[in-house]
Amino acid sequence: MYRTILAAGILLLAIMPGAAIGKTVLVKLTTQQVADVCGKQLQSGGGHAGCTKNCGKYICDYDCTKDGCSGQCLTCPGTDRKIFPGLKSRLVISDAVVNASQ
């Protein structure tokens, strides 16, 4: 019986509007990946290095700080989904990194 209640609770949290899902989806990257993606648009200052640019039909932001590098899709849909939040963002960032390194 407890398993049924636990499963129902988890399912409810997964589909409930307003569940605590973050809207920012960061994809960890290396310094070289950010440099490759940004190319000549790479800017640095104030403890940051990176760029904001088009990634397909979306807009992505790439940033490196002393804590590491990451990319995020600023205009990708689905960051607030309850199941697989940010999947589209991760795919777009990964695709941009792969295309930049070719």
N, C-alpha and C. Protein backbone atom coordinates (compact mmCIF):
# COMPACT_ATOMS: atom_id res chain seq x y z
N MET A 1 0.82 -1.19 0.00
CA MET A 1 0.00 0.00 0.00
C MET A 1 0.86 1.26 0.00
N TYR A 2 1.95 1.24 0.80
CA TYR A 2 2.83 2.41 0.84
C TYR A 2 3.47 2.68 -0.52
N ARG A 3 3.79 1.61 -1.23
CA ARG A 3 4.38 1.77 -2.56
C ARG A 3 3.41 2.45 -3.51
N THR A 4 2.14 2.09 -3.41
CA THR A 4 1.12 2.71 -4.26
C THR A 4 0.99 4.19 -3.95
N ILE A 5 0.98 4.53 -2.69
CA ILE A 5 0.88 5.94 -2.29
C ILE A 5 2.13 6.71 -2.74
N LEU A 6 3.30 6.11 -2.58
CA LEU A 6 4.54 6.76 -3.01
C LEU A 6 4.55 6.96 -4.51
N ALA A 7 4.15 5.95 -5.27
CA ALA A 7 4.12 6.05 -6.73
C ALA A 7 3.13 7.13 -7.17
N ALA A 8 1.97 7.17 -6.52
CA ALA A 8 0.97 8.19 -6.85
C ALA A 8 1.49 9.59 -6.55
N GLY A 9 2.20 9.74 -5.44
CA GLY A 9 2.77 11.04 -5.09
C GLY A 9 3.82 11.49 -6.08
N ILE A 10 4.67 10.58 -6.49
CA ILE A 10 5.70 10.92 -7.49
C ILE A 10 5.06 11.30 -8.81
N LEU A 11 4.06 10.55 -9.24
CA LEU A 11 3.35 10.86 -10.48
C LEU A 11 2.68 12.22 -10.39
N LEU A 12 2.06 12.52 -9.27
CA LEU A 12 1.41 13.80 -9.08
C LEU A 12 2.40 14.96 -9.16
N LEU A 13 3.56 14.80 -8.53
CA LEU A 13 4.58 15.84 -8.59
C LEU A 13 5.09 16.03 -10.01
N ALA A 14 5.15 14.95 -10.78
CA ALA A 14 5.66 15.04 -12.15
C ALA A 14 4.72 15.79 -13.07
N ILE A 15 3.41 15.71 -12.82
CA ILE A 15 2.47 16.33 -13.75
C ILE A 15 1.79 17.58 -13.20
N MET A 16 2.01 17.91 -11.95
CA MET A 16 1.37 19.07 -11.34
C MET A 16 1.91 20.37 -11.90
N PRO A 17 1.04 21.29 -12.29
CA PRO A 17 1.53 22.61 -12.66
C PRO A 17 2.17 23.27 -11.45
N GLY A 18 3.24 23.98 -11.69
CA GLY A 18 3.90 24.69 -10.60
C GLY A 18 4.86 23.84 -9.82
N ALA A 19 5.15 22.64 -10.30
CA ALA A 19 6.15 21.82 -9.61
C ALA A 19 7.48 22.55 -9.68
N ALA A 20 8.33 22.28 -8.73
CA ALA A 20 9.60 23.01 -8.63
C ALA A 20 10.59 22.53 -9.69
N ILE A 21 10.44 23.01 -10.90
CA ILE A 21 11.34 22.70 -12.00
C ILE A 21 11.98 24.03 -12.42
N GLY A 22 13.28 24.09 -12.45
CA GLY A 22 13.96 25.31 -12.85
C GLY A 22 13.80 25.60 -14.32
N LYS A 23 13.75 26.85 -14.68
CA LYS A 23 13.59 27.23 -16.07
C LYS A 23 14.93 27.41 -16.78
N THR A 24 16.01 27.50 -16.04
CA THR A 24 17.32 27.64 -16.65
C THR A 24 17.95 26.27 -16.77
N VAL A 25 18.30 25.90 -18.00
CA VAL A 25 18.91 24.61 -18.25
C VAL A 25 20.33 24.86 -18.73
N LEU A 26 21.31 24.57 -17.86
CA LEU A 26 22.71 24.77 -18.21
C LEU A 26 23.32 23.45 -18.64
N VAL A 27 24.07 23.50 -19.74
CA VAL A 27 24.78 22.33 -20.24
C VAL A 27 26.26 22.58 -20.00
N LYS A 28 26.91 21.71 -19.23
CA LYS A 28 28.33 21.89 -18.93
C LYS A 28 29.15 21.74 -20.21
N LEU A 29 30.07 22.67 -20.41
CA LEU A 29 30.95 22.67 -21.57
C LEU A 29 32.39 22.90 -21.12
N THR A 30 33.33 22.68 -22.02
CA THR A 30 34.72 22.99 -21.74
C THR A 30 35.03 24.37 -22.28
N THR A 31 36.16 24.90 -21.84
CA THR A 31 36.60 26.20 -22.34
C THR A 31 36.78 26.16 -23.85
N GLN A 32 37.34 25.07 -24.36
CA GLN A 32 37.57 24.93 -25.80
C GLN A 32 36.25 24.88 -26.57
N GLN A 33 35.24 24.20 -26.02
CA GLN A 33 33.94 24.14 -26.69
C GLN A 33 33.32 25.52 -26.79
N VAL A 34 33.41 26.30 -25.73
CA VAL A 34 32.87 27.67 -25.76
C VAL A 34 33.64 28.50 -26.78
N ALA A 35 34.96 28.37 -26.80
CA ALA A 35 35.79 29.12 -27.76
C ALA A 35 35.44 28.71 -29.19
N ASP A 36 35.24 27.42 -29.43
CA ASP A 36 34.88 26.95 -30.78
C ASP A 36 33.53 27.48 -31.22
N VAL A 37 32.54 27.42 -30.33
CA VAL A 37 31.19 27.87 -30.67
C VAL A 37 31.16 29.39 -30.90
N CYS A 38 31.84 30.13 -30.04
CA CYS A 38 31.81 31.59 -30.14
C CYS A 38 32.67 32.10 -31.29
N GLY A 39 33.81 31.44 -31.55
CA GLY A 39 34.69 31.89 -32.62
C GLY A 39 35.12 33.33 -32.42
N LYS A 40 34.95 34.13 -33.47
CA LYS A 40 35.36 35.55 -33.42
C LYS A 40 34.43 36.39 -32.55
N GLN A 41 33.30 35.85 -32.16
CA GLN A 41 32.36 36.58 -31.31
C GLN A 41 32.69 36.44 -29.82
N LEU A 42 33.73 35.66 -29.50
CA LEU A 42 34.11 35.46 -28.09
C LEU A 42 34.51 36.79 -27.47
N GLN A 43 33.90 37.11 -26.35
CA GLN A 43 34.19 38.33 -25.61
C GLN A 43 34.55 37.96 -24.19
N SER A 44 35.39 38.76 -23.57
CA SER A 44 35.74 38.49 -22.18
C SER A 44 35.81 39.78 -21.39
N GLY A 45 35.58 39.64 -20.09
CA GLY A 45 35.62 40.78 -19.19
C GLY A 45 34.75 40.52 -17.98
N GLY A 46 35.11 41.10 -16.88
CA GLY A 46 34.32 40.97 -15.66
C GLY A 46 34.27 39.55 -15.13
N GLY A 47 35.29 38.78 -15.41
CA GLY A 47 35.32 37.40 -14.91
C GLY A 47 34.57 36.41 -15.78
N HIS A 48 34.12 36.85 -16.94
CA HIS A 48 33.37 35.99 -17.86
C HIS A 48 34.04 35.99 -19.23
N ALA A 49 33.85 34.90 -19.96
CA ALA A 49 34.23 34.83 -21.36
C ALA A 49 33.16 34.02 -22.06
N GLY A 50 32.67 34.53 -23.17
CA GLY A 50 31.63 33.81 -23.89
C GLY A 50 30.96 34.66 -24.92
N CYS A 51 29.76 34.27 -25.32
CA CYS A 51 29.02 35.00 -26.33
C CYS A 51 27.54 34.59 -26.28
N THR A 52 26.73 35.39 -26.93
CA THR A 52 25.33 35.06 -27.17
C THR A 52 25.16 35.09 -28.68
N LYS A 53 24.61 34.02 -29.24
CA LYS A 53 24.48 33.95 -30.69
C LYS A 53 23.36 33.01 -31.09
N ASN A 54 23.02 33.04 -32.36
CA ASN A 54 22.01 32.14 -32.88
C ASN A 54 22.55 30.72 -32.89
N CYS A 55 21.70 29.77 -32.53
CA CYS A 55 22.03 28.35 -32.62
C CYS A 55 20.85 27.71 -33.33
N GLY A 56 20.91 27.68 -34.64
CA GLY A 56 19.76 27.25 -35.43
C GLY A 56 18.72 28.34 -35.39
N LYS A 57 17.49 27.98 -35.08
CA LYS A 57 16.42 28.99 -35.01
C LYS A 57 16.23 29.54 -33.60
N TYR A 58 17.15 29.23 -32.71
CA TYR A 58 17.08 29.67 -31.31
C TYR A 58 18.24 30.60 -30.99
N ILE A 59 18.21 31.18 -29.80
CA ILE A 59 19.31 32.03 -29.33
C ILE A 59 19.92 31.34 -28.13
N CYS A 60 21.26 31.19 -28.16
CA CYS A 60 21.96 30.50 -27.09
C CYS A 60 23.01 31.41 -26.46
N ASP A 61 23.30 31.14 -25.21
CA ASP A 61 24.30 31.90 -24.46
C ASP A 61 25.36 30.92 -23.98
N TYR A 62 26.62 31.26 -24.22
CA TYR A 62 27.75 30.43 -23.80
C TYR A 62 28.59 31.27 -22.86
N ASP A 63 28.99 30.70 -21.72
CA ASP A 63 29.68 31.49 -20.72
C ASP A 63 30.69 30.65 -19.97
N CYS A 64 31.86 31.22 -19.72
CA CYS A 64 32.87 30.61 -18.87
C CYS A 64 33.18 31.56 -17.73
N THR A 65 33.25 31.02 -16.52
CA THR A 65 33.66 31.78 -15.35
C THR A 65 34.72 30.95 -14.63
N LYS A 66 35.16 31.41 -13.49
CA LYS A 66 36.14 30.66 -12.72
C LYS A 66 35.58 29.31 -12.25
N ASP A 67 34.26 29.19 -12.22
CA ASP A 67 33.60 27.96 -11.77
C ASP A 67 33.39 26.95 -12.90
N GLY A 68 33.68 27.33 -14.15
CA GLY A 68 33.50 26.42 -15.27
C GLY A 68 32.74 27.07 -16.41
N CYS A 69 32.46 26.28 -17.42
CA CYS A 69 31.78 26.78 -18.62
C CYS A 69 30.46 26.05 -18.82
N SER A 70 29.53 26.76 -19.46
CA SER A 70 28.23 26.17 -19.75
C SER A 70 27.60 26.88 -20.93
N GLY A 71 26.58 26.25 -21.46
CA GLY A 71 25.76 26.83 -22.51
C GLY A 71 24.32 26.69 -22.12
N GLN A 72 23.51 27.62 -22.59
CA GLN A 72 22.07 27.52 -22.36
C GLN A 72 21.32 28.10 -23.53
N CYS A 73 20.22 27.48 -23.85
CA CYS A 73 19.35 27.97 -24.91
C CYS A 73 18.36 28.94 -24.28
N LEU A 74 18.41 30.18 -24.73
CA LEU A 74 17.57 31.21 -24.12
C LEU A 74 16.13 31.19 -24.62
N THR A 75 15.92 30.69 -25.84
CA THR A 75 14.58 30.74 -26.43
C THR A 75 14.01 29.38 -26.77
N CYS A 76 14.62 28.32 -26.28
CA CYS A 76 14.12 26.96 -26.57
C CYS A 76 12.83 26.70 -25.80
N PRO A 77 11.90 25.98 -26.43
CA PRO A 77 10.68 25.61 -25.73
C PRO A 77 10.94 24.43 -24.80
N GLY A 78 10.07 24.23 -23.85
CA GLY A 78 10.08 23.04 -23.02
C GLY A 78 10.93 23.10 -21.78
N THR A 79 11.47 24.28 -21.42
CA THR A 79 12.27 24.33 -20.20
C THR A 79 11.42 24.20 -18.95
N ASP A 80 10.12 24.44 -19.07
CA ASP A 80 9.24 24.34 -17.91
C ASP A 80 8.39 23.07 -17.92
N ARG A 81 8.74 22.13 -18.81
CA ARG A 81 8.01 20.87 -18.85
C ARG A 81 8.25 20.10 -17.55
N LYS A 82 7.29 19.29 -17.19
CA LYS A 82 7.39 18.53 -15.95
C LYS A 82 8.18 17.24 -16.16
N ILE A 83 8.09 16.68 -17.36
CA ILE A 83 8.82 15.46 -17.70
C ILE A 83 9.86 15.83 -18.74
N PHE A 84 11.10 15.44 -18.53
CA PHE A 84 12.24 15.78 -19.39
C PHE A 84 12.38 17.29 -19.59
N PRO A 85 12.42 18.07 -18.51
CA PRO A 85 12.57 19.51 -18.67
C PRO A 85 13.91 19.84 -19.31
N GLY A 86 13.89 20.74 -20.27
CA GLY A 86 15.13 21.20 -20.89
C GLY A 86 15.74 20.27 -21.90
N LEU A 87 15.03 19.22 -22.31
CA LEU A 87 15.58 18.29 -23.28
C LEU A 87 15.93 19.01 -24.58
N LYS A 88 15.06 19.85 -25.07
CA LYS A 88 15.31 20.59 -26.31
C LYS A 88 16.54 21.48 -26.16
N SER A 89 16.67 22.15 -25.03
CA SER A 89 17.83 23.02 -24.78
C SER A 89 19.12 22.22 -24.84
N ARG A 90 19.14 21.06 -24.19
CA ARG A 90 20.35 20.23 -24.20
C ARG A 90 20.70 19.78 -25.60
N LEU A 91 19.69 19.39 -26.39
CA LEU A 91 19.93 18.94 -27.76
C LEU A 91 20.46 20.08 -28.63
N VAL A 92 19.89 21.26 -28.49
CA VAL A 92 20.32 22.41 -29.29
C VAL A 92 21.76 22.79 -28.95
N ILE A 93 22.11 22.85 -27.67
CA ILE A 93 23.47 23.18 -27.26
C ILE A 93 24.45 22.12 -27.75
N SER A 94 24.12 20.85 -27.57
CA SER A 94 25.00 19.77 -28.02
C SER A 94 25.22 19.82 -29.52
N ASP A 95 24.16 20.09 -30.26
CA ASP A 95 24.27 20.18 -31.73
C ASP A 95 25.16 21.35 -32.14
N ALA A 96 25.02 22.49 -31.47
CA ALA A 96 25.84 23.66 -31.79
C ALA A 96 27.32 23.39 -31.52
N VAL A 97 27.61 22.69 -30.44
CA VAL A 97 29.00 22.36 -30.08
C VAL A 97 29.60 21.41 -31.12
N VAL A 98 28.82 20.40 -31.50
CA VAL A 98 29.30 19.43 -32.50
C VAL A 98 29.56 20.13 -33.84
N ASN A 99 28.62 20.97 -34.27
CA ASN A 99 28.78 21.67 -35.55
C ASN A 99 29.96 22.62 -35.54
N ALA A 100 30.24 23.25 -34.40
CA ALA A 100 31.35 24.19 -34.30
C ALA A 100 32.70 23.49 -34.36
N SER A 101 32.76 22.25 -33.89
CA SER A 101 34.03 21.54 -33.85
C SER A 101 34.36 20.84 -35.17
N GLN A 102 33.45 20.86 -36.11
CA GLN A 102 33.69 20.20 -37.40
C GLN A 102 34.37 21.12 -38.38
